[in-house]
Protein backbone atom coordinates (compact mmCIF):
# COMPACT_ATOMS: atom_id res chain seq x y z
CA MET A 1 -23.25 4.23 3.65
CA ILE A 2 -20.50 4.10 6.23
CA TYR A 3 -17.25 5.93 5.51
CA ILE A 4 -13.98 4.47 6.77
CA VAL A 5 -10.37 5.56 6.91
CA SER A 6 -8.01 2.63 7.23
CA GLY A 7 -4.33 1.80 6.83
CA TYR A 8 -1.29 0.75 8.81
CA MET A 9 -0.04 2.85 11.70
CA ARG A 10 1.92 5.97 10.70
CA THR A 11 0.26 6.14 7.25
CA GLY A 12 -1.69 9.35 7.87
CA THR A 13 -5.01 7.93 9.03
CA THR A 14 -5.38 10.58 11.75
CA MET A 15 -4.48 13.37 9.31
CA MET A 16 -7.09 12.04 6.87
CA MET A 17 -9.77 11.82 9.57
CA ARG A 18 -9.06 15.38 10.70
CA ALA A 19 -9.28 16.64 7.11
CA LEU A 20 -12.51 14.79 6.26
CA GLU A 21 -14.14 16.04 9.45
CA ALA A 22 -13.05 19.61 8.61
CA GLY A 23 -14.52 19.01 5.15
CA GLY A 24 -17.94 18.44 6.71
CA MET A 25 -18.19 14.75 7.54
CA ASP A 26 -19.73 13.54 10.80
CA ALA A 27 -16.89 11.59 12.41
CA TYR A 28 -17.45 8.94 15.08
CA TYR A 29 -14.49 8.75 17.49
CA GLU A 30 -13.44 9.14 21.09
CA ASP A 31 -9.89 10.50 21.30
CA GLU A 32 -7.45 12.87 19.59
CA LEU A 33 -6.25 10.05 17.33
CA TYR A 34 -9.82 9.58 16.08
CA GLU A 35 -9.98 6.10 17.55
CA LEU A 36 -12.70 4.22 19.39
CA PRO A 37 -12.41 1.85 22.35
CA LYS A 38 -12.51 -1.83 21.37
CA ASP A 39 -16.02 -2.31 22.77
CA GLU A 40 -17.34 0.58 20.63
CA ILE A 41 -15.65 -0.84 17.55
CA ALA A 42 -17.17 -4.24 18.28
CA ARG A 43 -20.63 -2.66 18.66
CA ALA A 44 -20.24 -0.76 15.38
CA VAL A 45 -18.94 -3.86 13.60
CA LEU A 46 -21.91 -5.94 14.70
CA ASN A 47 -24.53 -3.19 14.29
CA PRO A 48 -23.49 -1.02 11.35
CA HIS A 49 -26.91 0.66 11.16
CA THR A 50 -25.98 2.56 14.35
CA ILE A 51 -23.24 4.46 12.51
CA ASP A 52 -24.77 4.73 9.04
CA GLY A 53 -23.74 8.00 7.41
CA LYS A 54 -20.77 8.47 9.72
CA LEU A 55 -17.03 8.42 9.25
CA PHE A 56 -14.78 6.33 11.46
CA LYS A 57 -11.25 5.04 11.58
CA CYS A 58 -10.70 1.31 11.43
CA ILE A 59 -7.07 0.26 11.25
CA ALA A 60 -6.17 -2.48 8.76
CA GLY A 61 -6.96 -5.66 10.72
CA GLY A 62 -10.36 -4.41 11.91
CA MET A 63 -11.60 -4.13 8.34
CA LEU A 64 -11.83 -7.88 8.16
CA ARG A 65 -14.51 -8.15 10.85
CA LEU A 66 -17.01 -5.58 9.59
CA ALA A 67 -20.57 -6.82 9.11
CA ALA A 68 -22.06 -6.66 5.62
CA TRP A 69 -23.22 -3.11 4.84
CA LYS A 70 -22.39 -0.40 2.31
CA TYR A 71 -18.94 1.09 2.86
CA LYS A 72 -16.67 3.61 1.23
CA VAL A 73 -13.09 3.13 2.36
CA ILE A 74 -9.97 5.24 2.10
CA PHE A 75 -6.99 2.92 2.50
CA MET A 76 -3.97 5.06 3.40
CA GLN A 77 -0.63 4.01 1.98
CA ARG A 78 2.91 5.16 2.68
CA HIS A 79 6.39 4.02 1.73
CA TYR A 80 7.71 1.58 4.33
CA SER A 81 10.95 3.52 4.89
CA GLU A 82 8.91 6.55 6.00
CA ILE A 83 6.80 4.40 8.34
CA LYS A 84 9.93 2.79 9.78
CA ALA A 85 11.58 6.17 10.44
CA SER A 86 8.41 7.47 12.09
CA CYS A 87 8.07 4.31 14.21
CA ASP A 88 11.71 4.44 15.26
CA LYS A 89 11.22 7.98 16.53
CA LEU A 90 7.96 7.19 18.30
CA PHE A 91 8.55 3.68 19.66
CA GLY A 92 12.34 3.29 19.59
CA VAL A 93 14.62 1.75 17.01
CA ASP A 94 13.64 -1.71 15.79
CA SER A 95 10.31 -1.85 17.58
CA PRO A 96 8.50 -5.06 16.64
CA LEU A 97 5.39 -2.91 16.04
CA CYS A 98 6.82 -1.81 12.70
CA ALA A 99 8.61 -4.87 11.36
CA GLU A 100 8.81 -4.72 7.57
CA LYS A 101 7.62 -8.26 6.94
CA ALA A 102 4.55 -7.79 9.16
CA PHE A 103 3.78 -4.46 7.48
CA HIS A 104 3.83 -5.90 3.96
CA GLN A 105 1.88 -9.01 4.93
CA LEU A 106 -0.88 -7.06 6.66
CA MET A 107 -1.17 -4.48 3.87
CA ARG A 108 -1.41 -7.15 1.13
CA TYR A 109 -3.82 -9.29 3.11
CA THR A 110 -6.10 -6.42 4.08
CA ALA A 111 -6.12 -4.93 0.57
CA GLY A 112 -7.00 -8.37 -0.81
CA VAL A 113 -9.88 -8.85 1.61
CA ILE A 114 -11.26 -5.35 1.01
CA ASP A 115 -10.96 -5.85 -2.73
CA GLN A 116 -13.02 -9.06 -2.56
CA ARG A 117 -15.86 -7.58 -0.52
CA ARG A 118 -18.78 -6.58 -2.68
CA ASP A 119 -20.05 -4.16 -0.04
CA MET A 120 -16.91 -1.96 -0.09
CA GLN A 121 -15.77 0.66 -2.53
CA TRP A 122 -12.21 1.48 -1.68
CA THR A 123 -9.65 3.98 -2.79
CA GLY A 124 -5.95 3.76 -2.04
CA ILE A 125 -4.54 7.15 -1.11
CA GLN A 126 -0.82 7.86 -0.88
CA TYR A 127 0.16 9.83 2.23
CA ARG A 128 2.65 11.87 0.21
CA ALA A 129 -0.03 12.88 -2.33
CA VAL A 130 -2.23 14.26 0.46
CA VAL A 131 0.65 16.24 1.93
CA GLU A 132 1.91 17.58 -1.40
CA ASP A 133 -1.43 18.44 -3.07
CA PRO A 134 -4.34 18.01 -0.65
CA LEU A 135 -6.82 20.02 -2.70
CA ALA A 136 -6.35 17.70 -5.68
CA VAL A 137 -6.74 14.57 -3.52
CA PHE A 138 -9.90 15.84 -1.81
CA GLY A 139 -11.29 17.06 -5.13
CA VAL A 140 -10.93 13.55 -6.58
CA LEU A 141 -12.52 12.01 -3.48
CA LYS A 142 -15.54 14.30 -3.84
CA ASN A 143 -15.94 14.37 -7.62
CA LYS A 144 -14.97 10.83 -8.58
CA GLY A 145 -15.41 8.98 -5.31
CA GLY A 146 -18.65 10.56 -4.11
CA TRP A 147 -17.32 11.49 -0.67
CA PRO A 148 -19.59 14.19 0.86
CA ILE A 149 -16.90 16.78 1.59
CA ASP A 150 -15.90 20.33 0.85
CA PRO A 151 -12.43 19.77 -0.69
CA ALA A 152 -11.14 23.26 0.14
CA LYS A 153 -12.07 22.94 3.82
CA ALA A 154 -10.58 19.44 4.02
CA ALA A 155 -7.36 20.55 2.31
CA ALA A 156 -7.00 23.59 4.57
CA VAL A 157 -6.15 21.47 7.63
CA VAL A 158 -3.36 19.45 5.99
CA ASP A 159 -0.02 20.82 7.20
CA PRO A 160 2.94 19.82 5.00
CA ASP A 161 5.30 20.78 7.85
CA MET A 162 3.91 17.82 9.78
CA CYS A 163 5.25 15.44 7.13
CA HIS A 164 8.48 14.13 8.59
CA HIS A 165 10.58 11.19 7.46
CA LYS A 166 10.23 11.58 3.70
CA ALA A 167 11.69 8.79 1.58
CA ALA A 168 14.08 9.80 -1.17
């Protein structure tokens, strides 16, 4: 089984990776954003046996290229207005990186592809739910989703003060 955290940028994928690693999972990454260089992702995509049992972050579009294997996926979700506000602060107002139409298209397309794959069990997780009640979210992931984590340790690293740009 390979464990994946996915989603659009600014949806809390890094926060989720940090929490799952604190909860006891063996995470496969290279930098502080829990990302891998493209050549490492390509190697993992083509040879999933090399990362069996590990957790890694694969942003939305990369999910489509994964070789057949057994996967558990957390697909992070967040209200577009919060993503837009976060992007505007990080990249500047009206950055094409966070265009609303592109966001909705990629999220629908990726969710549809993941949903059709027989080798993936996926769970949509709302960013706000993790921030507001992390222990409940990680408890559900462990008890109902079979994720090999300690929910209390995972929840302990979620900092609600880091949640900026809340939608009304």
